[in-house]
N, C-alpha and C. Protein backbone atom coordinates (compact mmCIF):
# COMPACT_ATOMS: atom_id res chain seq x y z
N MET A 1 21.88 -15.35 22.18
CA MET A 1 21.52 -14.60 21.01
C MET A 1 21.11 -13.19 21.45
N ASN A 2 21.69 -12.17 20.82
CA ASN A 2 21.34 -10.79 21.20
C ASN A 2 20.11 -10.31 20.43
N LYS A 3 19.66 -9.10 20.76
CA LYS A 3 18.43 -8.57 20.16
C LYS A 3 18.55 -8.42 18.65
N ALA A 4 19.69 -7.98 18.16
CA ALA A 4 19.87 -7.80 16.71
C ALA A 4 19.80 -9.14 15.98
N GLU A 5 20.42 -10.17 16.54
CA GLU A 5 20.36 -11.49 15.93
C GLU A 5 18.94 -12.05 15.95
N THR A 6 18.24 -11.82 17.05
CA THR A 6 16.86 -12.28 17.16
C THR A 6 15.98 -11.57 16.13
N ALA A 7 16.15 -10.26 16.00
CA ALA A 7 15.38 -9.49 15.02
C ALA A 7 15.68 -9.97 13.60
N ASP A 8 16.95 -10.23 13.27
CA ASP A 8 17.31 -10.74 11.95
C ASP A 8 16.67 -12.10 11.69
N GLU A 9 16.67 -12.95 12.68
CA GLU A 9 16.07 -14.28 12.53
C GLU A 9 14.56 -14.17 12.31
N ILE A 10 13.91 -13.28 13.03
CA ILE A 10 12.47 -13.07 12.86
C ILE A 10 12.18 -12.56 11.45
N LEU A 11 12.95 -11.59 10.98
CA LEU A 11 12.75 -11.04 9.63
C LEU A 11 12.95 -12.12 8.56
N ARG A 12 13.97 -12.97 8.73
CA ARG A 12 14.21 -14.06 7.79
C ARG A 12 13.01 -15.02 7.76
N THR A 13 12.49 -15.33 8.92
CA THR A 13 11.34 -16.23 9.02
C THR A 13 10.11 -15.61 8.35
N ILE A 14 9.89 -14.33 8.57
CA ILE A 14 8.75 -13.64 7.94
C ILE A 14 8.90 -13.66 6.42
N ARG A 15 10.09 -13.39 5.91
CA ARG A 15 10.32 -13.42 4.46
C ARG A 15 10.05 -14.81 3.90
N GLN A 16 10.48 -15.85 4.62
CA GLN A 16 10.23 -17.23 4.17
C GLN A 16 8.73 -17.52 4.13
N LEU A 17 8.01 -17.07 5.14
CA LEU A 17 6.56 -17.27 5.17
C LEU A 17 5.88 -16.56 4.00
N ILE A 18 6.27 -15.33 3.76
CA ILE A 18 5.69 -14.56 2.66
C ILE A 18 5.97 -15.24 1.33
N ARG A 19 7.18 -15.73 1.14
CA ARG A 19 7.54 -16.42 -0.10
C ARG A 19 6.70 -17.69 -0.28
N ARG A 20 6.52 -18.46 0.80
CA ARG A 20 5.73 -19.69 0.73
C ARG A 20 4.26 -19.40 0.42
N VAL A 21 3.72 -18.36 1.03
CA VAL A 21 2.33 -17.97 0.75
C VAL A 21 2.20 -17.56 -0.71
N SER A 22 3.14 -16.80 -1.22
CA SER A 22 3.12 -16.38 -2.63
C SER A 22 3.20 -17.58 -3.56
N GLU A 23 4.08 -18.54 -3.25
CA GLU A 23 4.20 -19.75 -4.07
C GLU A 23 2.90 -20.54 -4.05
N HIS A 24 2.30 -20.67 -2.88
CA HIS A 24 1.05 -21.43 -2.76
C HIS A 24 -0.08 -20.72 -3.50
N SER A 25 -0.10 -19.41 -3.45
CA SER A 25 -1.11 -18.64 -4.15
C SER A 25 -1.00 -18.86 -5.66
N ARG A 26 0.23 -18.84 -6.18
CA ARG A 26 0.43 -19.11 -7.61
C ARG A 26 0.00 -20.52 -7.97
N TYR A 27 0.29 -21.49 -7.09
CA TYR A 27 -0.12 -22.87 -7.31
C TYR A 27 -1.65 -22.96 -7.40
N LEU A 28 -2.34 -22.31 -6.47
CA LEU A 28 -3.80 -22.34 -6.49
C LEU A 28 -4.35 -21.72 -7.77
N SER A 29 -3.79 -20.60 -8.16
CA SER A 29 -4.24 -19.94 -9.38
C SER A 29 -4.10 -20.86 -10.59
N ARG A 30 -2.95 -21.50 -10.70
CA ARG A 30 -2.69 -22.37 -11.84
C ARG A 30 -3.52 -23.64 -11.81
N ASN A 31 -3.57 -24.30 -10.67
CA ASN A 31 -4.15 -25.64 -10.59
C ASN A 31 -5.61 -25.70 -10.15
N VAL A 32 -6.08 -24.70 -9.45
CA VAL A 32 -7.44 -24.72 -8.94
C VAL A 32 -8.29 -23.67 -9.67
N GLY A 33 -7.65 -22.67 -10.24
CA GLY A 33 -8.38 -21.63 -10.96
C GLY A 33 -8.94 -20.55 -10.06
N LEU A 34 -8.46 -20.49 -8.84
CA LEU A 34 -8.92 -19.47 -7.89
C LEU A 34 -7.72 -18.76 -7.28
N THR A 35 -7.89 -17.49 -6.97
CA THR A 35 -6.86 -16.80 -6.21
C THR A 35 -6.97 -17.25 -4.75
N MET A 36 -5.96 -16.97 -3.98
CA MET A 36 -5.99 -17.35 -2.56
C MET A 36 -7.19 -16.74 -1.84
N PRO A 37 -7.49 -15.44 -2.01
CA PRO A 37 -8.67 -14.89 -1.34
C PRO A 37 -9.98 -15.54 -1.80
N GLN A 38 -10.10 -15.85 -3.10
CA GLN A 38 -11.29 -16.52 -3.60
C GLN A 38 -11.40 -17.91 -3.00
N PHE A 39 -10.28 -18.62 -2.94
CA PHE A 39 -10.23 -19.96 -2.35
C PHE A 39 -10.72 -19.91 -0.90
N VAL A 40 -10.19 -18.97 -0.13
CA VAL A 40 -10.53 -18.88 1.30
C VAL A 40 -12.01 -18.54 1.48
N CYS A 41 -12.53 -17.62 0.68
CA CYS A 41 -13.94 -17.24 0.81
C CYS A 41 -14.87 -18.37 0.37
N LEU A 42 -14.55 -19.04 -0.73
CA LEU A 42 -15.36 -20.17 -1.18
C LEU A 42 -15.38 -21.27 -0.13
N LYS A 43 -14.21 -21.52 0.45
CA LYS A 43 -14.12 -22.54 1.48
C LYS A 43 -14.94 -22.14 2.72
N ALA A 44 -14.88 -20.88 3.10
CA ALA A 44 -15.64 -20.41 4.26
C ALA A 44 -17.14 -20.56 4.04
N ILE A 45 -17.62 -20.20 2.86
CA ILE A 45 -19.05 -20.33 2.57
C ILE A 45 -19.45 -21.81 2.62
N GLY A 46 -18.65 -22.67 2.01
CA GLY A 46 -18.93 -24.10 2.04
C GLY A 46 -18.96 -24.65 3.45
N GLN A 47 -18.01 -24.24 4.28
CA GLN A 47 -17.98 -24.71 5.66
C GLN A 47 -19.18 -24.20 6.45
N LEU A 48 -19.55 -22.95 6.24
CA LEU A 48 -20.71 -22.40 6.94
C LEU A 48 -21.98 -23.14 6.52
N GLU A 49 -22.09 -23.48 5.24
CA GLU A 49 -23.25 -24.26 4.78
C GLU A 49 -23.26 -25.64 5.43
N GLU A 50 -22.09 -26.28 5.50
CA GLU A 50 -22.01 -27.61 6.11
C GLU A 50 -22.35 -27.59 7.59
N GLN A 51 -22.05 -26.48 8.25
CA GLN A 51 -22.36 -26.33 9.67
C GLN A 51 -23.85 -26.05 9.89
N GLY A 52 -24.55 -25.83 8.80
CA GLY A 52 -25.98 -25.56 8.90
C GLY A 52 -26.30 -24.10 9.19
N THR A 53 -25.33 -23.22 8.95
CA THR A 53 -25.59 -21.79 9.14
C THR A 53 -26.68 -21.36 8.17
N GLU A 54 -27.75 -20.83 8.72
CA GLU A 54 -28.91 -20.51 7.90
C GLU A 54 -28.72 -19.25 7.07
N LEU A 55 -28.15 -18.23 7.67
CA LEU A 55 -28.00 -16.95 6.98
C LEU A 55 -26.53 -16.61 6.83
N ILE A 56 -25.98 -16.90 5.67
CA ILE A 56 -24.58 -16.59 5.40
C ILE A 56 -24.53 -15.23 4.73
N THR A 57 -23.83 -14.30 5.36
CA THR A 57 -23.73 -12.93 4.85
C THR A 57 -22.27 -12.60 4.55
N VAL A 58 -22.09 -11.51 3.82
CA VAL A 58 -20.74 -11.04 3.53
C VAL A 58 -20.00 -10.75 4.84
N ALA A 59 -20.69 -10.14 5.78
CA ALA A 59 -20.07 -9.83 7.08
C ALA A 59 -19.65 -11.10 7.80
N GLY A 60 -20.47 -12.14 7.73
CA GLY A 60 -20.14 -13.42 8.36
C GLY A 60 -18.93 -14.08 7.72
N VAL A 61 -18.87 -14.03 6.40
CA VAL A 61 -17.71 -14.59 5.69
C VAL A 61 -16.48 -13.76 6.01
N ALA A 62 -16.63 -12.43 6.03
CA ALA A 62 -15.50 -11.55 6.34
C ALA A 62 -14.93 -11.87 7.72
N GLN A 63 -15.80 -12.11 8.67
CA GLN A 63 -15.35 -12.45 10.02
C GLN A 63 -14.63 -13.80 10.00
N ALA A 64 -15.17 -14.76 9.26
CA ALA A 64 -14.58 -16.10 9.21
C ALA A 64 -13.19 -16.10 8.58
N VAL A 65 -12.98 -15.25 7.59
CA VAL A 65 -11.69 -15.25 6.88
C VAL A 65 -10.78 -14.10 7.32
N GLN A 66 -11.26 -13.29 8.24
CA GLN A 66 -10.49 -12.18 8.80
C GLN A 66 -10.04 -11.16 7.74
N LEU A 67 -11.00 -10.80 6.89
CA LEU A 67 -10.81 -9.72 5.92
C LEU A 67 -11.92 -8.72 6.13
N SER A 68 -11.79 -7.54 5.55
CA SER A 68 -12.84 -6.53 5.71
C SER A 68 -14.05 -6.92 4.85
N PRO A 69 -15.24 -6.52 5.30
CA PRO A 69 -16.43 -6.81 4.50
C PRO A 69 -16.35 -6.24 3.08
N ALA A 70 -15.74 -5.07 2.92
CA ALA A 70 -15.61 -4.48 1.58
C ALA A 70 -14.75 -5.36 0.67
N THR A 71 -13.67 -5.88 1.21
CA THR A 71 -12.80 -6.76 0.43
C THR A 71 -13.53 -8.05 0.08
N VAL A 72 -14.22 -8.62 1.04
CA VAL A 72 -14.95 -9.87 0.81
C VAL A 72 -16.05 -9.64 -0.22
N SER A 73 -16.70 -8.50 -0.18
CA SER A 73 -17.76 -8.20 -1.13
C SER A 73 -17.22 -8.23 -2.57
N ARG A 74 -16.04 -7.65 -2.78
CA ARG A 74 -15.43 -7.67 -4.12
C ARG A 74 -15.05 -9.10 -4.54
N ILE A 75 -14.57 -9.88 -3.58
CA ILE A 75 -14.21 -11.27 -3.88
C ILE A 75 -15.48 -12.05 -4.24
N ILE A 76 -16.56 -11.82 -3.49
CA ILE A 76 -17.84 -12.49 -3.76
C ILE A 76 -18.36 -12.08 -5.14
N ASP A 77 -18.15 -10.82 -5.53
CA ASP A 77 -18.53 -10.38 -6.89
C ASP A 77 -17.88 -11.27 -7.94
N ARG A 78 -16.59 -11.53 -7.78
CA ARG A 78 -15.87 -12.36 -8.75
C ARG A 78 -16.35 -13.81 -8.71
N LEU A 79 -16.60 -14.33 -7.50
CA LEU A 79 -17.10 -15.70 -7.39
C LEU A 79 -18.51 -15.82 -7.98
N THR A 80 -19.30 -14.76 -7.87
CA THR A 80 -20.64 -14.75 -8.45
C THR A 80 -20.54 -14.75 -9.98
N ARG A 81 -19.66 -13.90 -10.52
CA ARG A 81 -19.48 -13.87 -11.98
C ARG A 81 -18.99 -15.20 -12.52
N ALA A 82 -18.19 -15.91 -11.71
CA ALA A 82 -17.68 -17.23 -12.12
C ALA A 82 -18.74 -18.32 -11.98
N GLY A 83 -19.87 -18.00 -11.35
CA GLY A 83 -20.95 -18.96 -11.21
C GLY A 83 -20.83 -19.89 -10.01
N PHE A 84 -20.01 -19.51 -9.02
CA PHE A 84 -19.81 -20.36 -7.84
C PHE A 84 -20.68 -19.97 -6.65
N VAL A 85 -21.12 -18.72 -6.61
CA VAL A 85 -21.87 -18.20 -5.47
C VAL A 85 -23.09 -17.43 -5.98
N THR A 86 -24.18 -17.53 -5.24
CA THR A 86 -25.35 -16.70 -5.54
C THR A 86 -25.60 -15.77 -4.37
N ARG A 87 -26.17 -14.61 -4.71
CA ARG A 87 -26.59 -13.63 -3.71
C ARG A 87 -28.10 -13.52 -3.80
N VAL A 88 -28.75 -13.62 -2.64
CA VAL A 88 -30.20 -13.49 -2.59
C VAL A 88 -30.54 -12.48 -1.52
N ARG A 89 -31.28 -11.45 -1.90
CA ARG A 89 -31.68 -10.42 -0.95
C ARG A 89 -32.75 -10.98 -0.02
N SER A 90 -32.63 -10.68 1.26
CA SER A 90 -33.57 -11.16 2.27
C SER A 90 -34.95 -10.56 2.03
N GLU A 91 -35.98 -11.37 2.18
CA GLU A 91 -37.35 -10.89 2.06
C GLU A 91 -37.73 -10.04 3.28
N LYS A 92 -37.23 -10.42 4.46
CA LYS A 92 -37.58 -9.72 5.70
C LYS A 92 -36.85 -8.40 5.83
N ASP A 93 -35.57 -8.39 5.49
CA ASP A 93 -34.75 -7.19 5.63
C ASP A 93 -33.99 -7.00 4.33
N ARG A 94 -34.48 -6.12 3.48
CA ARG A 94 -33.92 -5.92 2.14
C ARG A 94 -32.47 -5.46 2.17
N ARG A 95 -31.98 -5.02 3.31
CA ARG A 95 -30.58 -4.60 3.41
C ARG A 95 -29.64 -5.79 3.44
N LYS A 96 -30.14 -6.94 3.87
CA LYS A 96 -29.30 -8.14 4.02
C LYS A 96 -29.29 -8.96 2.74
N VAL A 97 -28.11 -9.46 2.42
CA VAL A 97 -27.94 -10.33 1.26
C VAL A 97 -27.36 -11.64 1.75
N HIS A 98 -28.03 -12.73 1.39
CA HIS A 98 -27.60 -14.06 1.81
C HIS A 98 -26.80 -14.71 0.69
N LEU A 99 -25.74 -15.40 1.07
CA LEU A 99 -24.87 -16.07 0.12
C LEU A 99 -25.07 -17.57 0.19
N SER A 100 -24.92 -18.22 -0.96
CA SER A 100 -24.92 -19.68 -0.98
C SER A 100 -24.12 -20.14 -2.19
N LEU A 101 -23.64 -21.36 -2.11
CA LEU A 101 -22.91 -21.94 -3.22
C LEU A 101 -23.89 -22.43 -4.28
N THR A 102 -23.54 -22.24 -5.54
CA THR A 102 -24.31 -22.83 -6.62
C THR A 102 -23.91 -24.30 -6.72
N LEU A 103 -24.53 -25.04 -7.60
CA LEU A 103 -24.14 -26.43 -7.81
C LEU A 103 -22.68 -26.50 -8.23
N SER A 104 -22.30 -25.62 -9.15
CA SER A 104 -20.91 -25.55 -9.60
C SER A 104 -19.97 -25.17 -8.45
N GLY A 105 -20.41 -24.22 -7.63
CA GLY A 105 -19.61 -23.80 -6.48
C GLY A 105 -19.46 -24.92 -5.46
N SER A 106 -20.54 -25.68 -5.25
CA SER A 106 -20.48 -26.81 -4.32
C SER A 106 -19.52 -27.88 -4.82
N GLU A 107 -19.58 -28.15 -6.12
CA GLU A 107 -18.65 -29.13 -6.71
C GLU A 107 -17.21 -28.65 -6.55
N ARG A 108 -16.98 -27.36 -6.81
CA ARG A 108 -15.63 -26.80 -6.67
C ARG A 108 -15.19 -26.86 -5.22
N TYR A 109 -16.10 -26.54 -4.29
CA TYR A 109 -15.77 -26.58 -2.86
C TYR A 109 -15.32 -27.99 -2.45
N HIS A 110 -16.06 -28.99 -2.87
CA HIS A 110 -15.72 -30.36 -2.48
C HIS A 110 -14.45 -30.87 -3.16
N ALA A 111 -14.02 -30.20 -4.24
CA ALA A 111 -12.80 -30.59 -4.94
C ALA A 111 -11.58 -29.78 -4.49
N LEU A 112 -11.79 -28.82 -3.57
CA LEU A 112 -10.67 -27.97 -3.14
C LEU A 112 -9.60 -28.80 -2.42
N PRO A 113 -8.34 -28.45 -2.67
CA PRO A 113 -7.28 -29.14 -1.91
C PRO A 113 -7.30 -28.70 -0.45
N THR A 114 -6.78 -29.55 0.41
CA THR A 114 -6.73 -29.20 1.83
C THR A 114 -5.50 -28.37 2.11
């Protein structure tokens, strides 16, 4: 296989992956009621809570899901408005905001598809 054929095969594979991710994202929106980024962030917060992580921050979630903190902050805003996540400002350091799942968020987390 020459370089041009290899490059074409790689591009075809990337397009297939993008299409599958898009299809799965639409499935999640329809059946779970969350966008893919919301799903990933909710799952990350739930997993961090299960691991016993005491201080879950936007930066920690951003690192776990490999998105920028600014992007994760906007996603957390939507999850907060939906009643799945709460934000609590730290008493020791007012600059830090700790995240946790609400009862509704915990129920949604445990019902998430794998």
